[in-house]
Amino acid sequence: MKLYFSPASPYVRKVMVVAHEKGVVDRIELLGSAANPVNRDKTIVASNPSGKVPTMLLDDGSAIYDSRVICAYVDAQAASPVLVPAEGNERFAVMTLEALADSILDAALLARYEKIMRPEALYWDDWHRGQMEKIDSGLDALETTWLSHLQGPLSMGSIAAACTLGYLDFRFPDKDWRSAHPGLAAWFKTVSERPSMQATMPKG
């Protein structure tokens, strides 16, 4: 498996945490990239029309994307631990939690791009505020609806949530999300001690 990656991408981090947890990280070759939301990396575009990371190339030359699909593929490379239940309501709960975590990440990235990439004359404060509100409502849901799930066995959903919180600390260091979400903060402190999380700390 070959993976186009960026050391700062939270979506790449999701994939790598899964790879560490499944014990297959040594089977993934990391390919450098120049992924950018405006000036796409043409090398990646050749395999993934969006030009985004992560993009994975398989042994037969085919490509898979986005992070949820790649995580599911990596999860299938080893039998344990089971990160997505095979059936039943718990399967869809894990998938929904992952979708929620990814929606927070999506909003965080859009808020960051509005601040650092959009020309100052075109900056839209209402747009930025709207994205930050999505982050806050997502965090509220993690605290009130999903905390007991997060505190259970590690799953694809909890990995996604951990990577999301790590990205907020990395790119929004002034955002105090912990005060209003003490249970989530305590869980994140514990999950961050896992070797898979320590080995995939964002850089750049």
Protein backbone atom coordinates (compact mmCIF):
# COMPACT_ATOMS: atom_id res chain seq x y z
CA MET A 1 0.00 0.00 0.00
CA LYS A 2 1.24 3.48 -0.90
CA LEU A 3 -0.22 6.57 0.72
CA TYR A 4 -0.03 10.17 -0.42
CA PHE A 5 0.22 12.06 2.83
CA SER A 6 0.83 15.34 4.58
CA PRO A 7 2.33 15.28 8.10
CA ALA A 8 -0.21 17.89 9.25
CA SER A 9 -3.35 16.33 7.78
CA PRO A 10 -5.81 15.04 10.39
CA TYR A 11 -7.36 12.78 7.77
CA VAL A 12 -4.00 11.18 7.07
CA ARG A 13 -3.53 10.83 10.81
CA LYS A 14 -6.77 8.83 11.02
CA VAL A 15 -5.41 6.35 8.49
CA MET A 16 -2.07 6.05 10.24
CA VAL A 17 -3.63 5.57 13.67
CA VAL A 18 -5.73 2.74 12.23
CA ALA A 19 -2.62 1.24 10.62
CA HIS A 20 -0.76 1.32 13.94
CA GLU A 21 -3.70 -0.17 15.84
CA LYS A 22 -4.07 -2.97 13.26
CA GLY A 23 -0.35 -3.69 13.19
CA VAL A 24 0.08 -3.04 9.47
CA VAL A 25 1.88 0.30 9.48
CA ASP A 26 5.05 -1.31 8.09
CA ARG A 27 3.09 -2.29 4.97
CA ILE A 28 2.35 1.34 4.05
CA GLU A 29 4.82 3.37 1.99
CA LEU A 30 4.37 7.11 2.52
CA LEU A 31 4.48 9.27 -0.60
CA GLY A 32 5.18 12.97 -0.25
CA SER A 33 2.72 15.45 -1.64
CA ALA A 34 2.10 19.11 -2.27
CA ALA A 35 -1.64 18.92 -1.63
CA ASN A 36 -3.30 22.34 -1.53
CA PRO A 37 -6.97 23.37 -1.70
CA VAL A 38 -6.23 25.92 -4.42
CA ASN A 39 -3.21 24.63 -6.33
CA ARG A 40 -3.78 20.89 -6.49
CA ASP A 41 -0.92 18.40 -6.64
CA LYS A 42 -1.13 17.09 -10.20
CA THR A 43 0.54 13.84 -9.18
CA ILE A 44 -2.30 13.10 -6.80
CA VAL A 45 -4.92 14.33 -9.29
CA ALA A 46 -3.77 11.60 -11.66
CA SER A 47 -5.09 9.05 -9.16
CA ASN A 48 -7.73 11.06 -7.27
CA PRO A 49 -9.58 13.83 -9.15
CA SER A 50 -9.94 15.89 -5.95
CA GLY A 51 -6.17 16.01 -5.49
CA LYS A 52 -6.60 15.51 -1.76
CA VAL A 53 -4.70 13.55 0.84
CA PRO A 54 -4.99 10.87 1.89
CA THR A 55 -5.07 8.95 -1.35
CA MET A 56 -3.99 5.31 -1.32
CA LEU A 57 -2.55 3.33 -4.21
CA LEU A 58 -3.08 -0.41 -4.07
CA ASP A 59 -0.84 -3.15 -5.42
CA ASP A 60 -2.94 -3.51 -8.57
CA GLY A 61 -2.43 0.20 -9.37
CA SER A 62 -5.94 1.29 -8.41
CA ALA A 63 -6.57 4.17 -6.03
CA ILE A 64 -8.98 4.52 -3.12
CA TYR A 65 -10.10 7.65 -1.27
CA ASP A 66 -11.23 9.44 0.97
CA SER A 67 -10.08 8.83 4.55
CA ARG A 68 -13.18 6.85 5.55
CA VAL A 69 -12.74 4.45 2.63
CA ILE A 70 -9.00 4.11 3.24
CA CYS A 71 -9.52 3.50 6.96
CA ALA A 72 -12.04 0.77 6.16
CA TYR A 73 -9.56 -0.82 3.74
CA VAL A 74 -6.72 -0.72 6.27
CA ASP A 75 -9.07 -2.10 8.94
CA ALA A 76 -9.75 -5.08 6.67
CA GLN A 77 -6.06 -5.97 6.47
CA ALA A 78 -6.03 -7.62 9.90
CA ALA A 79 -8.67 -9.40 11.94
CA SER A 80 -8.15 -7.59 15.22
CA PRO A 81 -8.81 -5.31 16.89
CA VAL A 82 -12.29 -4.90 15.42
CA LEU A 83 -12.68 -1.17 14.76
CA VAL A 84 -16.02 -1.35 12.92
CA PRO A 85 -18.52 -3.99 14.03
CA ALA A 86 -19.64 -6.21 11.17
CA GLU A 87 -23.36 -5.78 11.75
CA GLY A 88 -26.10 -4.49 13.99
CA ASN A 89 -26.85 -1.11 15.48
CA GLU A 90 -23.35 -0.78 16.90
CA ARG A 91 -21.91 -0.81 13.36
CA PHE A 92 -23.99 2.19 12.39
CA ALA A 93 -23.27 3.93 15.68
CA VAL A 94 -19.52 3.69 14.97
CA MET A 95 -20.02 4.94 11.43
CA THR A 96 -22.17 7.85 12.64
CA LEU A 97 -19.58 8.83 15.24
CA GLU A 98 -16.89 8.83 12.56
CA ALA A 99 -19.11 11.00 10.34
CA LEU A 100 -19.67 13.43 13.21
CA ALA A 101 -15.95 13.70 13.92
CA ASP A 102 -15.24 14.25 10.23
CA SER A 103 -17.90 16.98 10.06
CA ILE A 104 -16.11 18.84 12.87
CA LEU A 105 -12.84 18.44 10.97
CA ASP A 106 -14.42 19.69 7.75
CA ALA A 107 -15.62 22.83 9.54
CA ALA A 108 -12.25 23.36 11.19
CA LEU A 109 -10.43 23.17 7.88
CA LEU A 110 -12.85 25.61 6.24
CA ALA A 111 -12.44 28.03 9.15
CA ARG A 112 -8.68 27.79 8.90
CA TYR A 113 -8.67 28.31 5.14
CA GLU A 114 -10.88 31.38 5.55
CA LYS A 115 -8.30 32.87 7.90
CA ILE A 116 -5.02 31.93 6.23
CA MET A 117 -5.76 31.49 2.52
CA ARG A 118 -8.53 33.86 1.50
CA PRO A 119 -7.36 37.36 0.50
CA GLU A 120 -8.06 39.77 3.34
CA ALA A 121 -10.41 41.86 1.19
CA LEU A 122 -12.58 38.81 0.57
CA TYR A 123 -12.63 37.51 4.14
CA TRP A 124 -16.17 36.58 5.23
CA ASP A 125 -16.59 36.81 8.99
CA ASP A 126 -20.08 35.27 9.01
CA TRP A 127 -18.77 32.23 7.14
CA HIS A 128 -15.93 31.78 9.62
CA ARG A 129 -18.30 32.15 12.56
CA GLY A 130 -20.66 29.62 11.04
CA GLN A 131 -17.89 27.04 10.77
CA MET A 132 -16.82 27.63 14.36
CA GLU A 133 -20.44 27.13 15.47
CA LYS A 134 -20.45 23.77 13.68
CA ILE A 135 -17.34 22.83 15.62
CA ASP A 136 -18.95 23.82 18.91
CA SER A 137 -22.19 21.94 18.28
CA GLY A 138 -20.19 18.88 17.24
CA LEU A 139 -18.14 19.03 20.43
CA ASP A 140 -21.34 19.38 22.44
CA ALA A 141 -22.67 16.21 20.81
CA LEU A 142 -19.46 14.31 21.57
CA GLU A 143 -19.77 15.35 25.23
CA THR A 144 -23.48 14.73 25.73
CA THR A 145 -24.43 11.97 23.30
CA TRP A 146 -21.26 10.05 22.50
CA LEU A 147 -19.08 10.12 25.62
CA SER A 148 -20.07 6.67 26.87
CA HIS A 149 -19.32 5.26 23.42
CA LEU A 150 -15.93 6.98 23.37
CA GLN A 151 -15.12 5.52 26.77
CA GLY A 152 -15.79 2.01 25.49
CA PRO A 153 -13.56 -0.13 23.25
CA LEU A 154 -11.54 1.71 20.62
CA SER A 155 -13.41 2.04 17.33
CA MET A 156 -13.13 3.82 14.03
CA GLY A 157 -15.42 6.47 15.44
CA SER A 158 -13.31 7.09 18.53
CA ILE A 159 -10.15 7.22 16.43
CA ALA A 160 -11.77 9.87 14.24
CA ALA A 161 -12.84 11.84 17.32
CA ALA A 162 -9.34 11.67 18.81
CA CYS A 163 -7.76 12.92 15.58
CA THR A 164 -10.32 15.72 15.41
CA LEU A 165 -9.53 16.93 18.92
CA GLY A 166 -5.83 16.67 18.16
CA TYR A 167 -6.30 18.88 15.12
CA LEU A 168 -8.13 21.51 17.16
CA ASP A 169 -5.21 21.62 19.60
CA PHE A 170 -2.75 21.79 16.71
CA ARG A 171 -4.39 24.48 14.57
CA PHE A 172 -6.62 26.30 17.07
CA PRO A 173 -4.45 26.45 20.20
CA ASP A 174 -6.36 29.45 21.55
CA LYS A 175 -9.69 27.64 21.44
CA ASP A 176 -10.55 26.42 24.95
CA TRP A 177 -12.84 23.51 24.12
CA ARG A 178 -11.98 21.62 27.32
CA SER A 179 -13.71 23.90 29.85
CA ALA A 180 -17.17 23.23 28.46
CA HIS A 181 -16.46 19.57 27.73
CA PRO A 182 -14.71 18.09 30.79
CA GLY A 183 -15.66 14.50 30.06
CA LEU A 184 -14.38 14.76 26.50
CA ALA A 185 -11.18 16.42 27.74
CA ALA A 186 -10.53 13.59 30.21
CA TRP A 187 -11.13 10.96 27.55
CA PHE A 188 -8.86 12.72 25.08
CA LYS A 189 -6.07 12.91 27.64
CA THR A 190 -6.26 9.15 28.09
CA VAL A 191 -6.59 8.18 24.42
CA SER A 192 -3.72 10.51 23.50
CA GLU A 193 -1.39 8.28 25.49
CA ARG A 194 -1.90 5.37 23.11
CA PRO A 195 1.26 4.56 21.10
CA SER A 196 -0.69 5.00 17.86
CA MET A 197 -1.58 8.57 18.81
CA GLN A 198 1.90 9.37 20.03
CA ALA A 199 3.46 8.07 16.81
CA THR A 200 1.20 10.19 14.60
CA MET A 201 1.41 13.62 16.23
CA PRO A 202 0.91 16.29 13.52
CA LYS A 203 3.87 18.31 12.31
CA GLY A 204 4.29 21.45 10.24
